[in-house]
Structures are given as structure tokens and as C-alpha cells.
Amino acid sequence: MSIANTNQQDNSGYIKKIWIAAGIVSLFVVSIFLINTLFNVFLLILAGVLLAIYFHGCAGILKKYLHCPSRLSVVISLIINILLAIAFFWFVGSRLSSQVSQLSDSLPTIIKDAKVEMSQSAVGNKVLTYFNSSGGSVKTIAVARRFFSSGFGIIIDVYIILFFGLFFTAGPSLYKKAIISILPVKAKDKGLAIINEMRNALKKWLEAQIIAFFFIAIFTGVGLEIIGLPLVFTLALIAGFSAFIPNFGPLIAFIPAALIGLAQSPKTVILVACVFIAVHIFENAVLLPFLQKKMVKVLPAITIFAQLALGLLGGFWGVLLALPVVVVLKTIINKLYIQQQS
């Protein structure tokens, strides 16, 4: 009798372990599915947080120099930035739109002419033959489409980011309290410290990127204007925005400028390359040491891995926001693990 009971208990224990294992596997699969499905939403929320940090940073400057109350400075910051955006699109929008449309219309012809130029040389002909035979063009187009894809379409994504940014700007303490409220009692103080530290780290990163944006855009625009390249304004803005994408950003900005230069002459391509190399040297020799205090130190290999991984998951927004995601994860790991060891 006891042996039967023992066998029955062993069977029930074994079945229980199977159900536990099946539940863990199911939970893992569901979690992976939710992360893959909602990842773009998380990225848009992070972009909204960065926008709110920007608005509050502008409000902090107004509060410091105009001695305004906190809420009034936030309202003034929103109004000033909205007016600046309207003024930008009013005075520059038509020019930018025409240049972007001209660039998009001329690039296919420029690429076709570049292929013709390459086919006239032995080395270029071999490169084109290998590229076409290996299906490289199809793969490149697929990768490019994946990179420039977004969760809901770029226009809708921008609207979502604006809404998130305005909500987080209007009541950041409400969302902070909501996050703290779901934590255990013992973890509330540490959770608040982590949130504040993440905010400070993202603020420093954003300040550094905005400064780099203006310097790179101005110097690139001046250099391209000197060599007489068309569509300078659009190319300078692309170069400025490349500051938000380390490692791959300068290459992305160089490609359209080089193709436009190639449409004029091979000498122009060399001059364009010299401009971008000079700006890159200025960025590394002068700008980065100046911004070192505002930058969060991240190993280059980790940054590249994050860009590749998040680019596969989130497309354009994944590559653009890879470094902020790394900054957030690094802050959490430092606070919960590394500082505990020390």
C-alpha cells in the first residue's frame, strides 16, 4: 500500500514538474512575442521621454535666467519651441521640401550613371558583376527597407512621439509616481534613485547630441557650399542628424553627398570626401573632448552591437535610439549590480 502511494506521489510530482516546465516555456515564448510586437512602442515611448527631457531642459534655462516659476517656464519653453518649429517650416520648409524632392528624384539617375562609370573600368565591372550575381542588390534593398521601416509609418510615429512628449512634459511626476507605486516597499527608494539617474544620463546625452548636431551641420554645410555642391541645406541637415547615430551616421550622411558629387565629376567626390573627413576629424579632436563631460561612456563594440540588434528589431528608430537604450540599461546595471559589488 505504501509502495503504491509512493509511486502515485512520484507520478504526481513528475507531472507537476512537467506543467511547471511547460508554463515557463510558454511564458518565455509569450514574453518574446510581446517584446517583438511592442518593441516599436517602447522605442516611441523612449523618444517621447527624450522630447520631454528636452522641453524641461529648455525650461530649466528659462528658470535660471528669467527666474520664472517651474510650471510657467515649462509653458514658455513649449510655446517658444512650437514658434521656432513653425518659423523654421515657414521660412525654410519650402526650400527643404524642394531640395528633398529633387534629391529623391535625382538619386536613381545618379546611381544609374555611377553604375555606367564603374562598368567602364575592369575593377568596377568585376564589382558590379559580383554584386549582381550574388543577389547583393536585392539584399541591400531588403536591408534598406528594413532599416528605414517604422512601426506605424514615419508620420504617425512622429505624432505619437509628440503626444508622448507633451504628456510626459505636462506631468512627469505623475508617471514617476505610477512607476514607483508598483515597486515593493523596500525597492521604492532605489527605484526613485534609478529613475532620477536615468533622467540625468539621458539629459547629458541629449545635450551633447544637440550641440554636435549644430556644429556638424554648420561645418558640413559651409564645406559643401565652398566646393559648389547643390542641395547643400538638405545634405547639411542629414549630416547634422547623423550625430545621433554613432559609427554608421557619418557613412549614411556621406553616401547621398558622394552620389551627387559623382554626378558632377570624380574630382568633386574626392572634395566631398575631404569635407566629411575634415568634419569627422574636427568632431573627434575638438568637439568630443569638449562634450566629454556630457557624454555617457559606452564601449564602441557595445554601441555597434546595440545598433545592429535594435536595428533588426526596430528598424530606423532602433538604430537612432540604440545609444539611449544602452544608456538606460547601463544606468540600471550600475545601480542594481555594479554599485552593490563595490
Protein backbone atom coordinates (compact mmCIF):
# COMPACT_ATOMS: atom_id res chain seq x y z
CA MET A 1 0.00 0.00 0.00
CA SER A 2 2.77 2.38 0.92
CA ILE A 3 4.66 1.49 -2.27
CA ALA A 4 1.59 2.37 -4.37
CA ASN A 5 1.19 5.66 -2.54
CA THR A 6 4.87 6.40 -3.10
CA ASN A 7 4.58 5.66 -6.83
CA GLN A 8 1.47 7.82 -7.05
CA GLN A 9 3.26 10.71 -5.31
CA ASP A 10 6.25 10.33 -7.62
CA ASN A 11 3.97 10.42 -10.68
CA SER A 12 2.09 13.47 -9.43
CA GLY A 13 5.39 15.20 -8.63
CA TYR A 14 6.72 14.37 -12.10
CA ILE A 15 3.52 15.66 -13.76
CA LYS A 16 3.74 18.83 -11.65
CA LYS A 17 7.31 19.42 -12.82
CA ILE A 18 6.22 18.94 -16.44
CA TRP A 19 3.46 21.50 -16.02
CA ILE A 20 5.90 23.94 -14.38
CA ALA A 21 8.40 23.48 -17.21
CA ALA A 22 5.65 23.90 -19.82
CA GLY A 23 4.45 27.04 -18.05
CA ILE A 24 7.97 28.52 -18.00
CA VAL A 25 8.47 27.78 -21.70
CA SER A 26 5.06 29.24 -22.56
CA LEU A 27 5.78 32.35 -20.51
CA PHE A 28 9.14 32.74 -22.27
CA VAL A 29 7.56 32.38 -25.73
CA VAL A 30 4.76 34.84 -24.90
CA SER A 31 7.32 37.31 -23.49
CA ILE A 32 9.44 37.11 -26.65
CA PHE A 33 6.33 37.60 -28.79
CA LEU A 34 5.21 40.63 -26.76
CA ILE A 35 8.69 42.16 -26.81
CA ASN A 36 8.93 41.69 -30.58
CA THR A 37 5.41 43.08 -31.12
CA LEU A 38 5.57 46.01 -28.69
CA PHE A 39 9.24 46.90 -29.16
CA ASN A 40 8.46 49.78 -31.54
CA VAL A 41 6.00 51.15 -28.97
CA PHE A 42 8.73 51.08 -26.30
CA LEU A 43 11.06 52.95 -28.65
CA LEU A 44 8.41 55.61 -29.33
CA ILE A 45 7.87 55.99 -25.58
CA LEU A 46 11.62 56.47 -25.11
CA ALA A 47 11.62 59.09 -27.88
CA GLY A 48 8.74 60.84 -26.10
CA VAL A 49 10.73 60.78 -22.86
CA LEU A 50 13.71 62.37 -24.65
CA LEU A 51 11.42 65.05 -26.07
CA ALA A 52 10.05 65.79 -22.59
CA ILE A 53 13.61 65.98 -21.22
CA TYR A 54 14.42 68.49 -23.97
CA PHE A 55 11.42 70.66 -23.11
CA HIS A 56 12.26 70.56 -19.41
CA GLY A 57 15.90 71.35 -20.20
CA CYS A 58 14.81 74.49 -22.07
CA ALA A 59 12.51 75.31 -19.15
CA GLY A 60 15.45 74.94 -16.76
CA ILE A 61 17.42 77.53 -18.76
CA LEU A 62 14.47 79.94 -18.67
CA LYS A 63 14.03 79.40 -14.94
CA LYS A 64 17.71 80.02 -14.32
CA TYR A 65 18.00 83.29 -16.26
CA LEU A 66 14.45 84.69 -16.08
CA HIS A 67 13.66 83.41 -12.57
CA CYS A 68 10.28 82.06 -13.70
CA PRO A 69 8.27 79.53 -11.66
CA SER A 70 8.72 75.94 -12.77
CA ARG A 71 5.33 75.48 -14.44
CA LEU A 72 5.46 78.85 -16.16
CA SER A 73 8.94 78.10 -17.50
CA VAL A 74 7.69 74.79 -18.94
CA VAL A 75 4.78 76.55 -20.67
CA ILE A 76 7.10 79.23 -22.08
CA SER A 77 9.51 76.52 -23.22
CA LEU A 78 6.73 74.73 -25.12
CA ILE A 79 5.49 77.96 -26.71
CA ILE A 80 9.00 79.05 -27.77
CA ASN A 81 9.83 75.66 -29.31
CA ILE A 82 6.49 75.48 -31.13
CA LEU A 83 7.02 79.01 -32.52
CA LEU A 84 10.58 78.11 -33.57
CA ALA A 85 9.31 74.98 -35.35
CA ILE A 86 6.60 76.99 -37.13
CA ALA A 87 9.12 79.68 -38.12
CA PHE A 88 11.56 77.05 -39.39
CA PHE A 89 8.98 75.36 -41.62
CA TRP A 90 7.56 78.73 -42.70
CA PHE A 91 10.87 80.20 -43.87
CA VAL A 92 12.84 77.05 -44.71
CA GLY A 93 10.20 74.36 -45.22
CA SER A 94 9.51 75.09 -48.90
CA ARG A 95 13.23 75.17 -49.72
CA LEU A 96 13.86 71.97 -47.75
CA SER A 97 10.89 70.23 -49.36
CA SER A 98 12.03 71.15 -52.88
CA GLN A 99 15.59 70.00 -52.16
CA VAL A 100 14.41 66.69 -50.66
CA SER A 101 12.14 66.01 -53.65
CA GLN A 102 14.94 66.98 -56.02
CA LEU A 103 17.33 64.66 -54.17
CA SER A 104 14.87 61.74 -54.25
CA ASP A 105 14.18 62.31 -57.96
CA SER A 106 17.84 62.60 -58.96
CA LEU A 107 19.29 59.74 -56.90
CA PRO A 108 18.05 56.90 -59.17
CA THR A 109 19.60 58.62 -62.21
CA ILE A 110 22.81 59.31 -60.29
CA ILE A 111 23.06 55.66 -59.20
CA LYS A 112 22.46 54.50 -62.77
CA ASP A 113 25.18 56.84 -64.06
CA ALA A 114 27.52 55.63 -61.32
CA LYS A 115 26.99 52.03 -62.47
CA VAL A 116 27.82 53.06 -66.04
CA GLU A 117 31.01 54.76 -64.84
CA MET A 118 32.02 51.69 -62.83
CA SER A 119 31.34 49.32 -65.72
CA GLN A 120 33.90 51.17 -67.87
CA SER A 121 36.77 50.08 -65.59
CA ALA A 122 37.93 46.49 -65.08
CA VAL A 123 37.74 46.61 -61.28
CA GLY A 124 34.36 48.35 -61.26
CA ASN A 125 32.97 45.85 -63.79
CA LYS A 126 34.06 42.93 -61.61
CA VAL A 127 32.47 44.53 -58.54
CA LEU A 128 29.17 45.07 -60.38
CA THR A 129 29.21 41.52 -61.79
CA TYR A 130 29.83 40.01 -58.36
CA PHE A 131 27.23 42.27 -56.75
CA ASN A 132 24.54 41.35 -59.29
CA SER A 133 25.35 37.61 -59.44
CA SER A 134 25.34 37.20 -55.66
CA GLY A 135 21.99 38.95 -55.29
CA GLY A 136 23.64 41.79 -53.40
CA SER A 137 21.32 44.44 -54.84
CA VAL A 138 18.23 42.57 -53.67
CA LYS A 139 19.73 42.03 -50.22
CA THR A 140 20.77 45.67 -49.99
CA ILE A 141 17.28 46.87 -50.89
CA ALA A 142 15.77 44.49 -48.32
CA VAL A 143 18.15 45.69 -45.60
CA ALA A 144 17.50 49.32 -46.54
CA ARG A 145 13.74 48.82 -46.41
CA ARG A 146 14.07 47.14 -43.01
CA PHE A 147 16.30 49.94 -41.75
CA PHE A 148 14.02 52.76 -42.88
CA SER A 149 10.85 50.97 -41.78
CA SER A 150 8.95 52.05 -38.70
CA GLY A 151 6.19 50.66 -36.55
CA PHE A 152 3.22 52.67 -37.82
CA GLY A 153 4.69 54.80 -40.60
CA ILE A 154 7.09 57.66 -40.05
CA ILE A 155 4.42 60.41 -39.95
CA ILE A 156 2.25 58.55 -37.44
CA ASP A 157 5.34 57.72 -35.38
CA VAL A 158 6.22 61.42 -35.16
CA TYR A 159 2.70 62.26 -34.00
CA ILE A 160 2.85 59.51 -31.37
CA ILE A 161 6.21 60.80 -30.13
CA LEU A 162 4.81 64.34 -29.92
CA PHE A 163 1.82 63.15 -27.89
CA PHE A 164 4.04 61.13 -25.54
CA GLY A 165 6.41 64.07 -25.22
CA LEU A 166 3.62 66.51 -24.36
CA PHE A 167 2.08 64.13 -21.80
CA PHE A 168 5.44 63.47 -20.12
CA THR A 169 6.24 67.20 -20.20
CA ALA A 170 2.93 68.18 -18.61
CA GLY A 171 3.11 65.77 -15.67
CA PRO A 172 6.41 63.91 -15.27
CA SER A 173 5.87 63.43 -11.53
CA LEU A 174 2.60 61.56 -12.18
CA TYR A 175 4.30 58.93 -14.33
CA LYS A 176 7.24 58.72 -11.95
CA LYS A 177 4.86 58.08 -9.02
CA ALA A 178 2.96 55.49 -11.07
CA ILE A 179 6.16 53.54 -11.70
CA ILE A 180 7.28 53.81 -8.06
CA SER A 181 3.86 52.69 -6.78
CA ILE A 182 4.14 49.24 -8.40
CA LEU A 183 7.51 48.53 -6.79
CA PRO A 184 7.87 46.72 -3.44
CA VAL A 185 8.20 48.94 -0.38
CA LYS A 186 11.89 48.11 0.09
CA ALA A 187 12.65 48.97 -3.54
CA LYS A 188 10.83 52.32 -3.79
CA ASP A 189 13.79 54.50 -2.74
CA LYS A 190 16.19 52.64 -5.03
CA GLY A 191 13.65 52.80 -7.88
CA LEU A 192 13.33 56.57 -7.49
CA ALA A 193 17.12 56.93 -7.47
CA ILE A 194 17.40 54.84 -10.65
CA ILE A 195 14.73 56.93 -12.43
CA ASN A 196 16.45 60.18 -11.48
CA GLU A 197 19.84 58.85 -12.54
CA MET A 198 18.45 57.65 -15.90
CA ARG A 199 16.91 61.08 -16.46
CA ASN A 200 20.23 62.82 -15.75
CA ALA A 201 22.14 60.42 -18.03
CA LEU A 202 19.66 60.89 -20.90
CA LYS A 203 19.72 64.67 -20.38
CA LYS A 204 23.52 64.74 -20.69
CA TRP A 205 23.41 62.55 -23.79
CA LEU A 206 20.75 64.74 -25.41
CA GLU A 207 22.66 67.95 -24.66
CA ALA A 208 25.80 66.52 -26.24
CA GLN A 209 23.95 65.35 -29.38
CA ILE A 210 22.17 68.69 -29.89
CA ILE A 211 25.47 70.59 -29.67
CA ALA A 212 27.10 68.09 -32.05
CA PHE A 213 24.14 68.41 -34.45
CA PHE A 214 24.56 72.17 -34.87
CA PHE A 215 28.34 72.10 -35.22
CA ILE A 216 28.40 69.22 -37.71
CA ALA A 217 25.53 70.65 -39.78
CA ILE A 218 27.14 74.12 -39.95
CA PHE A 219 30.66 72.92 -40.79
CA THR A 220 29.41 70.39 -43.35
CA GLY A 221 27.16 72.98 -44.99
CA VAL A 222 29.99 75.52 -45.22
CA GLY A 223 32.39 72.94 -46.67
CA LEU A 224 29.90 71.69 -49.30
CA GLU A 225 29.00 75.28 -50.21
CA ILE A 226 32.67 76.11 -50.79
CA ILE A 227 33.12 73.21 -53.25
CA GLY A 228 29.90 74.20 -55.03
CA LEU A 229 27.76 71.13 -54.35
CA PRO A 230 23.98 71.54 -54.88
CA LEU A 231 21.32 70.75 -52.24
CA VAL A 232 23.69 71.93 -49.51
CA PHE A 233 20.97 72.70 -46.96
CA THR A 234 19.45 69.21 -47.08
CA LEU A 235 22.84 67.47 -47.05
CA ALA A 236 23.97 69.59 -44.07
CA LEU A 237 20.82 68.65 -42.11
CA ILE A 238 21.39 64.96 -42.90
CA ALA A 239 24.98 65.30 -41.68
CA GLY A 240 23.78 67.04 -38.51
CA PHE A 241 21.25 64.32 -37.73
CA SER A 242 23.98 61.73 -38.29
CA ALA A 243 25.42 62.88 -34.93
CA PHE A 244 22.57 60.97 -33.28
CA ILE A 245 23.76 57.73 -34.94
CA PRO A 246 27.35 57.00 -33.90
CA ASN A 247 29.55 54.78 -36.11
CA PHE A 248 27.08 54.47 -39.00
CA GLY A 249 25.76 58.06 -39.08
CA PRO A 250 28.70 59.71 -40.93
CA LEU A 251 28.65 56.99 -43.59
CA ILE A 252 24.87 57.37 -44.07
CA ALA A 253 25.30 61.14 -44.46
CA PHE A 254 28.25 60.76 -46.85
CA ILE A 255 26.52 58.45 -49.36
CA PRO A 256 23.98 60.94 -50.85
CA ALA A 257 26.58 63.74 -50.89
CA ALA A 258 29.08 61.46 -52.65
CA LEU A 259 26.49 60.36 -55.23
CA ILE A 260 25.60 63.98 -56.02
CA GLY A 261 29.31 64.78 -56.29
CA LEU A 262 29.79 61.80 -58.60
CA ALA A 263 27.13 63.24 -60.93
CA GLN A 264 29.41 66.28 -61.41
CA SER A 265 32.87 64.69 -61.61
CA PRO A 266 35.16 62.21 -59.80
CA LYS A 267 37.14 65.21 -58.53
CA THR A 268 34.03 66.51 -56.77
CA VAL A 269 33.62 63.16 -54.97
CA ILE A 270 37.17 63.50 -53.64
CA LEU A 271 36.40 67.03 -52.43
CA VAL A 272 33.20 65.82 -50.74
CA ALA A 273 35.16 63.06 -49.02
CA CYS A 274 37.72 65.64 -47.86
CA VAL A 275 34.92 67.78 -46.37
CA PHE A 276 33.43 64.85 -44.45
CA ILE A 277 36.85 63.66 -43.27
CA ALA A 278 37.70 67.18 -42.08
CA VAL A 279 34.41 67.45 -40.19
CA HIS A 280 34.97 64.00 -38.68
CA ILE A 281 38.48 64.99 -37.56
CA PHE A 282 37.07 68.20 -36.04
CA GLU A 283 34.39 66.16 -34.27
CA ASN A 284 36.90 63.73 -32.74
CA ALA A 285 39.69 66.21 -32.00
CA VAL A 286 37.75 69.26 -30.78
CA LEU A 287 34.06 68.55 -30.29
CA LEU A 288 34.17 65.20 -28.48
CA PRO A 289 36.73 66.33 -25.84
CA PHE A 290 34.57 69.42 -25.24
CA LEU A 291 31.46 67.24 -24.82
CA GLN A 292 33.21 64.54 -22.79
CA LYS A 293 31.62 65.67 -19.51
CA LYS A 294 28.14 65.46 -21.03
CA MET A 295 28.63 62.09 -22.69
CA VAL A 296 27.96 58.71 -21.13
CA LYS A 297 30.93 56.43 -21.73
CA VAL A 298 29.90 53.32 -23.66
CA LEU A 299 32.31 50.85 -25.26
CA PRO A 300 32.27 51.14 -29.09
CA ALA A 301 31.69 47.40 -29.55
CA ILE A 302 28.62 47.53 -27.29
CA THR A 303 27.28 50.53 -29.23
CA ILE A 304 27.69 48.73 -32.58
CA PHE A 305 26.09 45.54 -31.23
CA ALA A 306 23.14 47.55 -29.85
CA GLN A 307 22.68 49.35 -33.17
CA LEU A 308 22.69 46.10 -35.14
CA ALA A 309 20.39 44.27 -32.71
CA LEU A 310 17.92 47.13 -32.24
CA GLY A 311 18.05 47.92 -35.96
CA LEU A 312 16.84 44.39 -36.71
CA LEU A 313 14.07 44.71 -34.12
CA GLY A 314 13.01 48.32 -34.57
CA GLY A 315 14.31 49.48 -37.95
CA PHE A 316 15.18 53.18 -38.17
CA TRP A 317 14.05 54.03 -34.64
CA GLY A 318 16.05 51.11 -33.26
CA VAL A 319 19.28 52.40 -34.80
CA LEU A 320 18.52 56.02 -33.86
CA LEU A 321 17.67 55.22 -30.23
CA ALA A 322 20.21 52.43 -29.69
CA LEU A 323 22.53 54.59 -27.60
CA PRO A 324 19.76 55.93 -25.30
CA VAL A 325 18.64 52.33 -24.72
CA VAL A 326 22.23 51.39 -23.83
CA VAL A 327 22.43 54.42 -21.51
CA VAL A 328 19.26 53.31 -19.71
CA LEU A 329 20.42 49.69 -19.37
CA LYS A 330 23.87 50.78 -18.21
CA THR A 331 22.34 53.01 -15.52
CA ILE A 332 20.14 50.17 -14.25
CA ILE A 333 23.03 47.66 -14.23
CA ASN A 334 25.33 50.14 -12.46
CA LYS A 335 22.75 50.87 -9.79
CA LEU A 336 21.50 47.34 -9.17
CA TYR A 337 24.66 45.27 -9.67
CA ILE A 338 27.99 47.08 -10.03
CA GLN A 339 27.47 49.51 -7.15
CA GLN A 340 26.24 46.64 -4.98
CA GLN A 341 29.51 44.80 -5.60
CA SER A 342 31.61 47.80 -4.65
